[in-house]
Amino acid sequence: MISFFVINLILAWAIGRMMRKYQLRWWVSLIMPILFAVNVWLQYAPYNYWLVPIYLVVTWLVLLKD
């Protein structure tokens, strides 16, 4: 579970940096959390859904960072 969480935090950070660097639109930040939620729905336990909002928050924090 820890590696699952760490990998998703790193991906959220990378997406936020990419969005800021290339001036991508806000809706791009929704693509990975939606794919993640579908993956959790198909493969994992429902308690992993709490990672979706964390994914969004980390992405937006990196995006809003100077």
C-alpha atoms as a PDB file:
ATOM      1  CA  MET A   1       0.000   0.000   0.000  1.00  0.00           C
ATOM      2  CA  ILE A   2       2.859   2.402   0.780  1.00  0.00           C
ATOM      3  CA  SER A   3       4.460   1.984  -2.651  1.00  0.00           C
ATOM      4  CA  PHE A   4       1.033   2.454  -4.259  1.00  0.00           C
ATOM      5  CA  PHE A   5       0.646   5.739  -2.365  1.00  0.00           C
ATOM      6  CA  VAL A   6       4.188   6.960  -3.115  1.00  0.00           C
ATOM      7  CA  ILE A   7       3.924   6.197  -6.833  1.00  0.00           C
ATOM      8  CA  ASN A   8       0.681   8.141  -7.073  1.00  0.00           C
ATOM      9  CA  LEU A   9       2.127  11.125  -5.199  1.00  0.00           C
ATOM     10  CA  ILE A  10       5.094  11.202  -7.563  1.00  0.00           C
ATOM     11  CA  LEU A  11       2.779  11.028 -10.583  1.00  0.00           C
ATOM     12  CA  ALA A  12       0.595  13.819  -9.189  1.00  0.00           C
ATOM     13  CA  TRP A  13       3.691  15.977  -8.608  1.00  0.00           C
ATOM     14  CA  ALA A  14       4.973  15.279 -12.145  1.00  0.00           C
ATOM     15  CA  ILE A  15       1.621  16.102 -13.727  1.00  0.00           C
ATOM     16  CA  GLY A  16       1.418  19.368 -11.788  1.00  0.00           C
ATOM     17  CA  ARG A  17       4.916  20.356 -12.939  1.00  0.00           C
ATOM     18  CA  MET A  18       4.101  19.427 -16.531  1.00  0.00           C
ATOM     19  CA  MET A  19       0.877  21.449 -16.410  1.00  0.00           C
ATOM     20  CA  ARG A  20       2.728  24.504 -15.123  1.00  0.00           C
ATOM     21  CA  LYS A  21       5.642  24.144 -17.549  1.00  0.00           C
ATOM     22  CA  TYR A  22       3.506  23.711 -20.677  1.00  0.00           C
ATOM     23  CA  GLN A  23       0.602  25.945 -19.556  1.00  0.00           C
ATOM     24  CA  LEU A  24      -1.939  23.126 -19.890  1.00  0.00           C
ATOM     25  CA  ARG A  25      -5.602  23.657 -19.079  1.00  0.00           C
ATOM     26  CA  TRP A  26      -7.091  22.847 -15.655  1.00  0.00           C
ATOM     27  CA  TRP A  27      -9.063  19.844 -16.905  1.00  0.00           C
ATOM     28  CA  VAL A  28      -5.834  17.971 -17.668  1.00  0.00           C
ATOM     29  CA  SER A  29      -5.473  17.576 -13.895  1.00  0.00           C
ATOM     30  CA  LEU A  30      -8.663  15.472 -13.906  1.00  0.00           C
ATOM     31  CA  ILE A  31      -7.486  12.838 -16.392  1.00  0.00           C
ATOM     32  CA  MET A  32      -5.194  10.817 -14.099  1.00  0.00           C
ATOM     33  CA  PRO A  33      -7.479  10.872 -11.027  1.00  0.00           C
ATOM     34  CA  ILE A  34     -10.372   9.643 -13.177  1.00  0.00           C
ATOM     35  CA  LEU A  35      -8.228   6.859 -14.628  1.00  0.00           C
ATOM     36  CA  PHE A  36      -7.018   6.050 -11.123  1.00  0.00           C
ATOM     37  CA  ALA A  37     -10.597   5.859  -9.792  1.00  0.00           C
ATOM     38  CA  VAL A  38     -11.586   3.509 -12.615  1.00  0.00           C
ATOM     39  CA  ASN A  39      -8.545   1.355 -11.871  1.00  0.00           C
ATOM     40  CA  VAL A  40      -9.425   1.219  -8.168  1.00  0.00           C
ATOM     41  CA  TRP A  41     -13.003   0.319  -9.070  1.00  0.00           C
ATOM     42  CA  LEU A  42     -11.809  -2.538 -11.284  1.00  0.00           C
ATOM     43  CA  GLN A  43      -8.923  -3.957  -9.248  1.00  0.00           C
ATOM     44  CA  TYR A  44      -8.671  -2.700  -5.693  1.00  0.00           C
ATOM     45  CA  ALA A  45     -10.703  -2.294  -2.532  1.00  0.00           C
ATOM     46  CA  PRO A  46     -13.151   0.616  -2.268  1.00  0.00           C
ATOM     47  CA  TYR A  47     -11.241   2.214   0.622  1.00  0.00           C
ATOM     48  CA  ASN A  48      -8.582   3.297  -1.913  1.00  0.00           C
ATOM     49  CA  TYR A  49     -10.975   5.918  -3.291  1.00  0.00           C
ATOM     50  CA  TRP A  50      -9.701   8.349  -0.651  1.00  0.00           C
ATOM     51  CA  LEU A  51      -6.507   8.611  -2.713  1.00  0.00           C
ATOM     52  CA  VAL A  52      -8.368  10.323  -5.593  1.00  0.00           C
ATOM     53  CA  PRO A  53      -8.865  13.673  -3.770  1.00  0.00           C
ATOM     54  CA  ILE A  54      -5.296  13.480  -2.450  1.00  0.00           C
ATOM     55  CA  TYR A  55      -4.125  12.988  -6.033  1.00  0.00           C
ATOM     56  CA  LEU A  56      -6.027  16.126  -7.122  1.00  0.00           C
ATOM     57  CA  VAL A  57      -4.817  18.226  -4.190  1.00  0.00           C
ATOM     58  CA  VAL A  58      -1.153  17.360  -4.758  1.00  0.00           C
ATOM     59  CA  THR A  59      -1.475  18.091  -8.481  1.00  0.00           C
ATOM     60  CA  TRP A  60      -3.114  21.467  -7.838  1.00  0.00           C
ATOM     61  CA  LEU A  61      -0.603  22.411  -5.117  1.00  0.00           C
ATOM     62  CA  VAL A  62       2.299  21.794  -7.463  1.00  0.00           C
ATOM     63  CA  LEU A  63       0.487  23.680 -10.215  1.00  0.00           C
ATOM     64  CA  LEU A  64      -0.131  26.705  -7.963  1.00  0.00           C
ATOM     65  CA  LYS A  65       3.400  26.775  -6.594  1.00  0.00           C
ATOM     66  CA  ASP A  66       5.494  29.734  -7.762  1.00  0.00           C
END
